Amino acid sequence: MSAAESPRLPLPPFDPQTAAQKVRMAEDAWNTRDPVRVALAYTPDSAWRNRSKFLTGRESIQPPGRRPDHPGLSDLGL
C-alpha cells in the first residue's frame, strides 16, 4: 500500500466525535476544489454516478489532463 492509499485516521468504528471529524476532512478536501485531492479522499474502487455517467475507481475521476477520455471532476460540480 502506497502512502497515497494508506488509511487516514480516524478509522471505523466511529463515535460521534470521530464521525464528525471524518466528515469535516471530506468536506475540507472537496472545498479545495483540487480534483486529485478529492479523488484521494475515496477508496481506489469507489463507484460514482453523475446523471448518466458511471465512474469506477480513483483513476476515472482524475482531471482531464490525467484522463483525456473523461471530463473529470469539473463535470461533477467542482
C-alpha atoms as a PDB file:
ATOM      1  CA  MET A   1       0.000   0.000   0.000  1.00  0.00           C
ATOM      2  CA  SER A   2       1.443   3.350  -1.019  1.00  0.00           C
ATOM      3  CA  ALA A   3       1.335   6.462   1.124  1.00  0.00           C
ATOM      4  CA  ALA A   4      -1.479   7.802  -1.070  1.00  0.00           C
ATOM      5  CA  GLU A   5      -3.530   4.677  -0.337  1.00  0.00           C
ATOM      6  CA  SER A   6      -2.790   4.358   3.372  1.00  0.00           C
ATOM      7  CA  PRO A   7      -5.866   4.736   5.580  1.00  0.00           C
ATOM      8  CA  ARG A   8      -6.477   8.144   7.071  1.00  0.00           C
ATOM      9  CA  LEU A   9      -7.386   8.487  10.707  1.00  0.00           C
ATOM     10  CA  PRO A  10      -9.889   8.264  12.230  1.00  0.00           C
ATOM     11  CA  LEU A  11     -10.762   4.693  11.279  1.00  0.00           C
ATOM     12  CA  PRO A  12     -14.023   2.842  11.961  1.00  0.00           C
ATOM     13  CA  PRO A  13     -15.798   2.154  14.179  1.00  0.00           C
ATOM     14  CA  PHE A  14     -16.714   5.804  14.607  1.00  0.00           C
ATOM     15  CA  ASP A  15     -18.140   7.510  17.651  1.00  0.00           C
ATOM     16  CA  PRO A  16     -19.989  10.830  17.187  1.00  0.00           C
ATOM     17  CA  GLN A  17     -16.780  12.859  17.569  1.00  0.00           C
ATOM     18  CA  THR A  18     -14.652  10.819  15.136  1.00  0.00           C
ATOM     19  CA  ALA A  19     -17.547  10.603  12.643  1.00  0.00           C
ATOM     20  CA  ALA A  20     -17.813  14.390  12.638  1.00  0.00           C
ATOM     21  CA  GLN A  21     -14.028  14.624  12.210  1.00  0.00           C
ATOM     22  CA  LYS A  22     -14.117  12.267   9.197  1.00  0.00           C
ATOM     23  CA  VAL A  23     -16.956  14.253   7.593  1.00  0.00           C
ATOM     24  CA  ARG A  24     -15.069  17.521   8.139  1.00  0.00           C
ATOM     25  CA  MET A  25     -11.965  16.037   6.480  1.00  0.00           C
ATOM     26  CA  ALA A  26     -14.039  15.034   3.428  1.00  0.00           C
ATOM     27  CA  GLU A  27     -15.646  18.491   3.276  1.00  0.00           C
ATOM     28  CA  ASP A  28     -12.233  20.128   3.501  1.00  0.00           C
ATOM     29  CA  ALA A  29     -10.970  18.001   0.602  1.00  0.00           C
ATOM     30  CA  TRP A  30     -13.956  18.975  -1.577  1.00  0.00           C
ATOM     31  CA  ASN A  31     -13.597  22.640  -0.629  1.00  0.00           C
ATOM     32  CA  THR A  32     -10.051  22.732  -2.027  1.00  0.00           C
ATOM     33  CA  ARG A  33     -11.558  22.173  -5.488  1.00  0.00           C
ATOM     34  CA  ASP A  34      -8.423  20.119  -6.240  1.00  0.00           C
ATOM     35  CA  PRO A  35      -9.612  17.044  -8.197  1.00  0.00           C
ATOM     36  CA  VAL A  36      -6.555  14.996  -7.261  1.00  0.00           C
ATOM     37  CA  ARG A  37      -7.027  15.663  -3.544  1.00  0.00           C
ATOM     38  CA  VAL A  38     -10.760  14.959  -3.793  1.00  0.00           C
ATOM     39  CA  ALA A  39     -10.099  11.644  -5.564  1.00  0.00           C
ATOM     40  CA  LEU A  40      -7.688  10.613  -2.805  1.00  0.00           C
ATOM     41  CA  ALA A  41     -10.485  11.008  -0.268  1.00  0.00           C
ATOM     42  CA  TYR A  42     -12.173   7.948  -1.789  1.00  0.00           C
ATOM     43  CA  THR A  43     -11.214   4.276  -1.966  1.00  0.00           C
ATOM     44  CA  PRO A  44      -9.399   3.017  -5.065  1.00  0.00           C
ATOM     45  CA  ASP A  45     -12.523   1.076  -6.105  1.00  0.00           C
ATOM     46  CA  SER A  46     -15.074   3.847  -5.462  1.00  0.00           C
ATOM     47  CA  ALA A  47     -18.166   3.919  -7.651  1.00  0.00           C
ATOM     48  CA  TRP A  48     -19.543   7.320  -8.665  1.00  0.00           C
ATOM     49  CA  ARG A  49     -22.642   8.314 -10.597  1.00  0.00           C
ATOM     50  CA  ASN A  50     -23.356  11.706 -12.109  1.00  0.00           C
ATOM     51  CA  ARG A  51     -26.538  11.855 -14.122  1.00  0.00           C
ATOM     52  CA  SER A  52     -25.958   9.308 -16.891  1.00  0.00           C
ATOM     53  CA  LYS A  53     -22.225   8.847 -16.239  1.00  0.00           C
ATOM     54  CA  PHE A  54     -20.920   5.985 -14.147  1.00  0.00           C
ATOM     55  CA  LEU A  55     -17.335   6.160 -12.905  1.00  0.00           C
ATOM     56  CA  THR A  56     -15.394   3.474 -11.077  1.00  0.00           C
ATOM     57  CA  GLY A  57     -12.129   3.999  -9.225  1.00  0.00           C
ATOM     58  CA  ARG A  58      -9.928   6.967  -8.450  1.00  0.00           C
ATOM     59  CA  GLU A  59      -8.319   6.990 -11.878  1.00  0.00           C
ATOM     60  CA  SER A  60     -11.633   7.589 -13.627  1.00  0.00           C
ATOM     61  CA  ILE A  61     -12.331  10.720 -11.581  1.00  0.00           C
ATOM     62  CA  GLN A  62      -8.996  12.368 -12.232  1.00  0.00           C
ATOM     63  CA  PRO A  63      -8.907  15.738 -14.008  1.00  0.00           C
ATOM     64  CA  PRO A  64      -8.892  15.914 -17.813  1.00  0.00           C
ATOM     65  CA  GLY A  65      -5.105  16.213 -18.018  1.00  0.00           C
ATOM     66  CA  ARG A  66      -4.814  12.785 -16.458  1.00  0.00           C
ATOM     67  CA  ARG A  67      -7.652  11.104 -18.357  1.00  0.00           C
ATOM     68  CA  PRO A  68      -8.302  12.680 -21.743  1.00  0.00           C
ATOM     69  CA  ASP A  69     -11.223  10.299 -22.321  1.00  0.00           C
ATOM     70  CA  HIS A  70     -13.170  11.738 -19.376  1.00  0.00           C
ATOM     71  CA  PRO A  71     -14.062  15.313 -18.350  1.00  0.00           C
ATOM     72  CA  GLY A  72     -13.048  14.724 -14.745  1.00  0.00           C
ATOM     73  CA  LEU A  73     -14.425  16.267 -11.588  1.00  0.00           C
ATOM     74  CA  SER A  74     -15.240  19.563 -13.293  1.00  0.00           C
ATOM     75  CA  ASP A  75     -18.261  17.774 -14.727  1.00  0.00           C
ATOM     76  CA  LEU A  76     -19.210  16.624 -11.231  1.00  0.00           C
ATOM     77  CA  GLY A  77     -19.694  20.173  -9.983  1.00  0.00           C
ATOM     78  CA  LEU A  78     -16.164  21.186  -8.970  1.00  0.00           C
END
